[in-house]
PDB file of all heavy atoms in Angstrom:
ATOM      1  N   VAL A   1    -166.791  81.993 -75.247  1.00  0.00           N
ATOM      2  CA  VAL A   1    -165.799  81.550 -76.283  1.00  0.00           C
ATOM      3  C   VAL A   1    -164.633  80.897 -75.683  1.00  0.00           C
ATOM      4  O   VAL A   1    -164.104  79.855 -76.086  1.00  0.00           O
ATOM      5  CB  VAL A   1    -165.363  82.797 -77.065  1.00  0.00           C
ATOM      6  CG1 VAL A   1    -164.087  82.473 -77.985  1.00  0.00           C
ATOM      7  CG2 VAL A   1    -166.462  83.347 -77.989  1.00  0.00           C
ATOM      8  N   LEU A   2    -164.161  81.443 -74.429  1.00  0.00           N
ATOM      9  CA  LEU A   2    -163.106  80.770 -73.823  1.00  0.00           C
ATOM     10  C   LEU A   2    -163.502  79.420 -73.228  1.00  0.00           C
ATOM     11  O   LEU A   2    -162.714  78.448 -73.183  1.00  0.00           O
ATOM     12  CB  LEU A   2    -162.650  81.736 -72.535  1.00  0.00           C
ATOM     13  CG  LEU A   2    -161.891  82.982 -73.019  1.00  0.00           C
ATOM     14  CD1 LEU A   2    -161.628  83.785 -71.711  1.00  0.00           C
ATOM     15  CD2 LEU A   2    -160.585  82.636 -73.719  1.00  0.00           C
ATOM     16  N   MET A   3    -164.736  79.312 -72.770  1.00  0.00           N
ATOM     17  CA  MET A   3    -165.232  78.134 -72.291  1.00  0.00           C
ATOM     18  C   MET A   3    -165.311  76.981 -73.349  1.00  0.00           C
ATOM     19  O   MET A   3    -164.959  75.811 -73.059  1.00  0.00           O
ATOM     20  CB  MET A   3    -166.603  78.246 -71.636  1.00  0.00           C
ATOM     21  CG  MET A   3    -167.188  76.903 -70.990  1.00  0.00           C
ATOM     22  SD  MET A   3    -168.752  77.080 -70.331  1.00  0.00           S
ATOM     23  CE  MET A   3    -169.662  77.176 -71.920  1.00  0.00           C
ATOM     24  N   ILE A   4    -165.727  77.369 -74.559  1.00  0.00           N
ATOM     25  CA  ILE A   4    -165.806  76.492 -75.684  1.00  0.00           C
ATOM     26  C   ILE A   4    -164.301  75.982 -76.004  1.00  0.00           C
ATOM     27  O   ILE A   4    -164.048  74.856 -76.266  1.00  0.00           O
ATOM     28  CB  ILE A   4    -166.514  77.125 -76.959  1.00  0.00           C
ATOM     29  CG1 ILE A   4    -167.977  77.271 -76.569  1.00  0.00           C
ATOM     30  CG2 ILE A   4    -166.347  76.334 -78.174  1.00  0.00           C
ATOM     31  CD1 ILE A   4    -168.691  76.139 -76.304  1.00  0.00           C
ATOM     32  N   TRP A   5    -163.491  76.943 -76.039  1.00  0.00           N
ATOM     33  CA  TRP A   5    -162.011  76.566 -76.208  1.00  0.00           C
ATOM     34  C   TRP A   5    -161.506  75.549 -75.187  1.00  0.00           C
ATOM     35  O   TRP A   5    -160.903  74.485 -75.560  1.00  0.00           O
ATOM     36  CB  TRP A   5    -161.124  77.843 -76.215  1.00  0.00           C
ATOM     37  CG  TRP A   5    -159.611  77.478 -76.142  1.00  0.00           C
ATOM     38  CD1 TRP A   5    -158.885  77.230 -77.280  1.00  0.00           C
ATOM     39  CD2 TRP A   5    -158.780  77.400 -75.048  1.00  0.00           C
ATOM     40  NE1 TRP A   5    -157.639  76.916 -76.825  1.00  0.00           N
ATOM     41  CE2 TRP A   5    -157.588  77.073 -75.525  1.00  0.00           C
ATOM     42  CE3 TRP A   5    -159.034  77.654 -73.639  1.00  0.00           C
ATOM     43  CZ2 TRP A   5    -156.467  76.972 -74.630  1.00  0.00           C
ATOM     44  CZ3 TRP A   5    -158.025  77.417 -72.895  1.00  0.00           C
ATOM     45  CH2 TRP A   5    -156.723  77.077 -73.215  1.00  0.00           C
ATOM     46  N   PHE A   6    -161.905  75.856 -73.892  1.00  0.00           N
ATOM     47  CA  PHE A   6    -161.528  74.967 -72.892  1.00  0.00           C
ATOM     48  C   PHE A   6    -162.179  73.547 -73.080  1.00  0.00           C
ATOM     49  O   PHE A   6    -161.478  72.521 -72.966  1.00  0.00           O
ATOM     50  CB  PHE A   6    -161.922  75.508 -71.561  1.00  0.00           C
ATOM     51  CG  PHE A   6    -161.782  74.513 -70.351  1.00  0.00           C
ATOM     52  CD1 PHE A   6    -160.469  74.290 -69.823  1.00  0.00           C
ATOM     53  CD2 PHE A   6    -162.757  73.961 -69.724  1.00  0.00           C
ATOM     54  CE1 PHE A   6    -160.352  73.404 -68.702  1.00  0.00           C
ATOM     55  CE2 PHE A   6    -162.675  73.083 -68.727  1.00  0.00           C
ATOM     56  CZ  PHE A   6    -161.453  72.798 -68.216  1.00  0.00           C
ATOM     57  N   LEU A   7    -163.368  73.493 -73.453  1.00  0.00           N
ATOM     58  CA  LEU A   7    -164.053  72.122 -73.560  1.00  0.00           C
ATOM     59  C   LEU A   7    -163.514  71.532 -74.782  1.00  0.00           C
ATOM     60  O   LEU A   7    -163.301  70.274 -74.849  1.00  0.00           O
ATOM     61  CB  LEU A   7    -165.558  72.419 -73.670  1.00  0.00           C
ATOM     62  CG  LEU A   7    -166.184  72.764 -72.465  1.00  0.00           C
ATOM     63  CD1 LEU A   7    -167.722  73.095 -72.728  1.00  0.00           C
ATOM     64  CD2 LEU A   7    -166.152  71.837 -71.333  1.00  0.00           C
ATOM     65  N   ALA A   8    -163.275  72.238 -75.943  1.00  0.00           N
ATOM     66  CA  ALA A   8    -162.795  71.520 -77.153  1.00  0.00           C
ATOM     67  C   ALA A   8    -161.355  71.089 -77.061  1.00  0.00           C
ATOM     68  O   ALA A   8    -161.110  70.020 -77.515  1.00  0.00           O
ATOM     69  CB  ALA A   8    -162.888  72.597 -78.344  1.00  0.00           C
ATOM     70  N   TYR A   9    -160.448  71.966 -76.511  1.00  0.00           N
ATOM     71  CA  TYR A   9    -159.127  71.538 -76.574  1.00  0.00           C
ATOM     72  C   TYR A   9    -158.472  70.967 -75.284  1.00  0.00           C
ATOM     73  O   TYR A   9    -157.784  69.975 -75.311  1.00  0.00           O
ATOM     74  CB  TYR A   9    -158.190  72.767 -77.027  1.00  0.00           C
ATOM     75  CG  TYR A   9    -158.551  73.095 -78.426  1.00  0.00           C
ATOM     76  CD1 TYR A   9    -159.307  74.242 -78.701  1.00  0.00           C
ATOM     77  CD2 TYR A   9    -158.104  72.356 -79.539  1.00  0.00           C
ATOM     78  CE1 TYR A   9    -159.589  74.656 -80.045  1.00  0.00           C
ATOM     79  CE2 TYR A   9    -158.454  72.663 -80.749  1.00  0.00           C
ATOM     80  CZ  TYR A   9    -159.151  73.831 -80.976  1.00  0.00           C
ATOM     81  OH  TYR A   9    -159.517  74.034 -82.308  1.00  0.00           O
ATOM     82  N   LYS A  10    -158.766  71.499 -74.233  1.00  0.00           N
ATOM     83  CA  LYS A  10    -158.312  71.057 -72.879  1.00  0.00           C
ATOM     84  C   LYS A  10    -158.892  69.794 -72.488  1.00  0.00           C
ATOM     85  O   LYS A  10    -158.318  68.879 -71.959  1.00  0.00           O
ATOM     86  CB  LYS A  10    -158.334  72.095 -71.805  1.00  0.00           C
ATOM     87  CG  LYS A  10    -157.451  73.320 -72.186  1.00  0.00           C
ATOM     88  CD  LYS A  10    -155.996  72.893 -72.162  1.00  0.00           C
ATOM     89  CE  LYS A  10    -155.179  74.038 -72.332  1.00  0.00           C
ATOM     90  NZ  LYS A  10    -153.780  73.742 -72.687  1.00  0.00           N
ATOM     91  N   MET A  11    -160.302  69.780 -72.657  1.00  0.00           N
ATOM     92  CA  MET A  11    -161.060  68.547 -72.239  1.00  0.00           C
ATOM     93  C   MET A  11    -161.098  67.568 -73.496  1.00  0.00           C
ATOM     94  O   MET A  11    -161.706  66.470 -73.259  1.00  0.00           O
ATOM     95  CB  MET A  11    -162.551  68.952 -71.862  1.00  0.00           C
ATOM     96  CG  MET A  11    -162.576  69.671 -70.608  1.00  0.00           C
ATOM     97  SD  MET A  11    -161.875  68.789 -69.136  1.00  0.00           S
ATOM     98  CE  MET A  11    -163.014  67.587 -68.992  1.00  0.00           C
ATOM     99  N   GLU A  12    -160.545  67.955 -74.609  1.00  0.00           N
ATOM    100  CA  GLU A  12    -160.479  67.100 -75.762  1.00  0.00           C
ATOM    101  C   GLU A  12    -161.795  66.635 -76.232  1.00  0.00           C
ATOM    102  O   GLU A  12    -161.944  65.460 -76.666  1.00  0.00           O
ATOM    103  CB  GLU A  12    -159.557  65.866 -75.574  1.00  0.00           C
ATOM    104  CG  GLU A  12    -158.128  66.297 -75.187  1.00  0.00           C
ATOM    105  CD  GLU A  12    -157.195  65.078 -74.960  1.00  0.00           C
ATOM    106  OE1 GLU A  12    -157.703  63.977 -74.879  1.00  0.00           O
ATOM    107  OE2 GLU A  12    -156.014  65.408 -74.763  1.00  0.00           O
ATOM    108  N   LEU A  13    -162.763  67.435 -76.260  1.00  0.00           N
ATOM    109  CA  LEU A  13    -164.171  67.096 -76.729  1.00  0.00           C
ATOM    110  C   LEU A  13    -164.217  67.267 -78.176  1.00  0.00           C
ATOM    111  O   LEU A  13    -165.202  66.851 -78.840  1.00  0.00           O
ATOM    112  CB  LEU A  13    -165.237  67.946 -76.062  1.00  0.00           C
ATOM    113  CG  LEU A  13    -165.476  67.602 -74.489  1.00  0.00           C
ATOM    114  CD1 LEU A  13    -166.463  68.474 -74.036  1.00  0.00           C
ATOM    115  CD2 LEU A  13    -165.831  66.175 -74.352  1.00  0.00           C
ATOM    116  N   SER A  14    -163.157  67.913 -78.827  1.00  0.00           N
ATOM    117  CA  SER A  14    -163.278  68.045 -80.292  1.00  0.00           C
ATOM    118  C   SER A  14    -162.282  67.071 -81.063  1.00  0.00           C
ATOM    119  O   SER A  14    -162.265  67.225 -82.214  1.00  0.00           O
ATOM    120  CB  SER A  14    -162.772  69.522 -80.565  1.00  0.00           C
ATOM    121  OG  SER A  14    -161.475  69.624 -80.184  1.00  0.00           O
ATOM    122  N   THR A  15    -161.731  66.068 -80.204  1.00  0.00           N
ATOM    123  CA  THR A  15    -160.802  65.208 -80.909  1.00  0.00           C
ATOM    124  C   THR A  15    -161.575  63.802 -81.055  1.00  0.00           C
ATOM    125  O   THR A  15    -162.464  63.479 -80.334  1.00  0.00           O
ATOM    126  CB  THR A  15    -159.591  64.936 -80.039  1.00  0.00           C
ATOM    127  OG1 THR A  15    -159.974  64.554 -78.778  1.00  0.00           O
ATOM    128  CG2 THR A  15    -158.769  66.318 -79.859  1.00  0.00           C
ATOM    129  N   ALA A  16    -161.060  63.084 -81.961  1.00  0.00           N
ATOM    130  CA  ALA A  16    -161.533  61.722 -82.209  1.00  0.00           C
ATOM    131  C   ALA A  16    -161.137  60.750 -81.077  1.00  0.00           C
ATOM    132  O   ALA A  16    -160.126  60.976 -80.451  1.00  0.00           O
ATOM    133  CB  ALA A  16    -161.179  61.210 -83.530  1.00  0.00           C
ATOM    134  N   PRO A  17    -161.971  59.774 -80.778  1.00  0.00           N
ATOM    135  CA  PRO A  17    -161.620  58.840 -79.679  1.00  0.00           C
ATOM    136  C   PRO A  17    -160.266  58.176 -80.056  1.00  0.00           C
ATOM    137  O   PRO A  17    -160.095  57.838 -81.222  1.00  0.00           O
ATOM    138  CB  PRO A  17    -162.785  57.985 -79.556  1.00  0.00           C
ATOM    139  CG  PRO A  17    -163.536  58.174 -80.730  1.00  0.00           C
ATOM    140  CD  PRO A  17    -163.204  59.451 -81.325  1.00  0.00           C
ATOM    141  N   SER A  18    -159.500  57.815 -78.959  1.00  0.00           N
ATOM    142  CA  SER A  18    -158.301  57.217 -79.205  1.00  0.00           C
ATOM    143  C   SER A  18    -158.357  55.715 -79.453  1.00  0.00           C
ATOM    144  O   SER A  18    -157.574  55.094 -80.110  1.00  0.00           O
ATOM    145  CB  SER A  18    -157.228  57.366 -78.077  1.00  0.00           C
ATOM    146  OG  SER A  18    -157.849  56.908 -76.903  1.00  0.00           O
ATOM    147  N   ARG A  19    -159.487  55.187 -79.089  1.00  0.00           N
ATOM    148  CA  ARG A  19    -159.738  53.674 -79.315  1.00  0.00           C
ATOM    149  C   ARG A  19    -160.816  53.551 -80.361  1.00  0.00           C
ATOM    150  O   ARG A  19    -161.546  54.473 -80.722  1.00  0.00           O
ATOM    151  CB  ARG A  19    -160.157  53.009 -77.982  1.00  0.00           C
ATOM    152  CG  ARG A  19    -161.373  53.552 -77.460  1.00  0.00           C
ATOM    153  CD  ARG A  19    -161.621  52.913 -76.073  1.00  0.00           C
ATOM    154  NE  ARG A  19    -162.758  53.599 -75.476  1.00  0.00           N
ATOM    155  CZ  ARG A  19    -163.951  53.091 -75.270  1.00  0.00           C
ATOM    156  NH1 ARG A  19    -164.194  51.928 -75.749  1.00  0.00           N
ATOM    157  NH2 ARG A  19    -164.901  53.813 -74.746  1.00  0.00           N
ATOM    158  N   THR A  20    -160.861  52.342 -80.922  1.00  0.00           N
ATOM    159  CA  THR A  20    -161.821  52.172 -81.996  1.00  0.00           C
ATOM    160  C   THR A  20    -163.193  51.842 -81.506  1.00  0.00           C
ATOM    161  O   THR A  20    -163.381  51.168 -80.472  1.00  0.00           O
ATOM    162  CB  THR A  20    -161.315  50.863 -82.769  1.00  0.00           C
ATOM    163  OG1 THR A  20    -160.009  51.049 -83.131  1.00  0.00           O
ATOM    164  CG2 THR A  20    -162.102  50.521 -83.904  1.00  0.00           C
ATOM    165  N   VAL A  21    -164.135  52.481 -82.188  1.00  0.00           N
ATOM    166  CA  VAL A  21    -165.526  52.374 -81.797  1.00  0.00           C
ATOM    167  C   VAL A  21    -166.100  51.119 -82.546  1.00  0.00           C
ATOM    168  O   VAL A  21    -166.029  51.094 -83.775  1.00  0.00           O
ATOM    169  CB  VAL A  21    -166.306  53.602 -82.099  1.00  0.00           C
ATOM    170  CG1 VAL A  21    -167.792  53.363 -81.839  1.00  0.00           C
ATOM    171  CG2 VAL A  21    -165.749  54.800 -81.356  1.00  0.00           C
ATOM    172  N   GLU A  22    -166.575  50.169 -81.790  1.00  0.00           N
ATOM    173  CA  GLU A  22    -167.101  48.996 -82.415  1.00  0.00           C
ATOM    174  C   GLU A  22    -168.645  49.048 -82.611  1.00  0.00           C
ATOM    175  O   GLU A  22    -169.319  49.496 -81.696  1.00  0.00           O
ATOM    176  CB  GLU A  22    -166.765  47.739 -81.477  1.00  0.00           C
ATOM    177  CG  GLU A  22    -165.266  47.513 -81.449  1.00  0.00           C
ATOM    178  CD  GLU A  22    -165.075  46.324 -80.363  1.00  0.00           C
ATOM    179  OE1 GLU A  22    -165.963  45.576 -80.224  1.00  0.00           O
ATOM    180  OE2 GLU A  22    -163.858  46.272 -80.022  1.00  0.00           O
ATOM    181  N   PHE A  23    -169.066  48.660 -83.712  1.00  0.00           N
ATOM    182  CA  PHE A  23    -170.487  48.696 -84.069  1.00  0.00           C
ATOM    183  C   PHE A  23    -171.040  47.303 -84.080  1.00  0.00           C
ATOM    184  O   PHE A  23    -170.405  46.420 -84.639  1.00  0.00           O
ATOM    185  CB  PHE A  23    -170.861  49.374 -85.321  1.00  0.00           C
ATOM    186  CG  PHE A  23    -170.468  50.841 -85.346  1.00  0.00           C
ATOM    187  CD1 PHE A  23    -169.256  51.245 -85.953  1.00  0.00           C
ATOM    188  CD2 PHE A  23    -171.240  51.817 -84.895  1.00  0.00           C
ATOM    189  CE1 PHE A  23    -168.944  52.599 -85.986  1.00  0.00           C
ATOM    190  CE2 PHE A  23    -170.944  53.163 -84.813  1.00  0.00           C
ATOM    191  CZ  PHE A  23    -169.751  53.571 -85.388  1.00  0.00           C
ATOM    192  N   HIS A  24    -172.131  47.005 -83.390  1.00  0.00           N
ATOM    193  CA  HIS A  24    -172.690  45.705 -83.319  1.00  0.00           C
ATOM    194  C   HIS A  24    -173.946  45.681 -84.167  1.00  0.00           C
ATOM    195  O   HIS A  24    -174.768  46.550 -84.099  1.00  0.00           O
ATOM    196  CB  HIS A  24    -173.058  45.358 -81.893  1.00  0.00           C
ATOM    197  CG  HIS A  24    -171.832  45.268 -80.969  1.00  0.00           C
ATOM    198  ND1 HIS A  24    -170.943  44.288 -81.143  1.00  0.00           N
ATOM    199  CD2 HIS A  24    -171.519  46.217 -79.980  1.00  0.00           C
ATOM    200  CE1 HIS A  24    -170.014  44.520 -80.152  1.00  0.00           C
ATOM    201  NE2 HIS A  24    -170.250  45.633 -79.510  1.00  0.00           N
TER     202      HIS A  24
END
């Protein structure tokens, strides 16, 4: 549970990307 918290919040794996994702 602590590892998931670390990956989600500290490594920012649960946040949307800061740049726009382009689809081709």
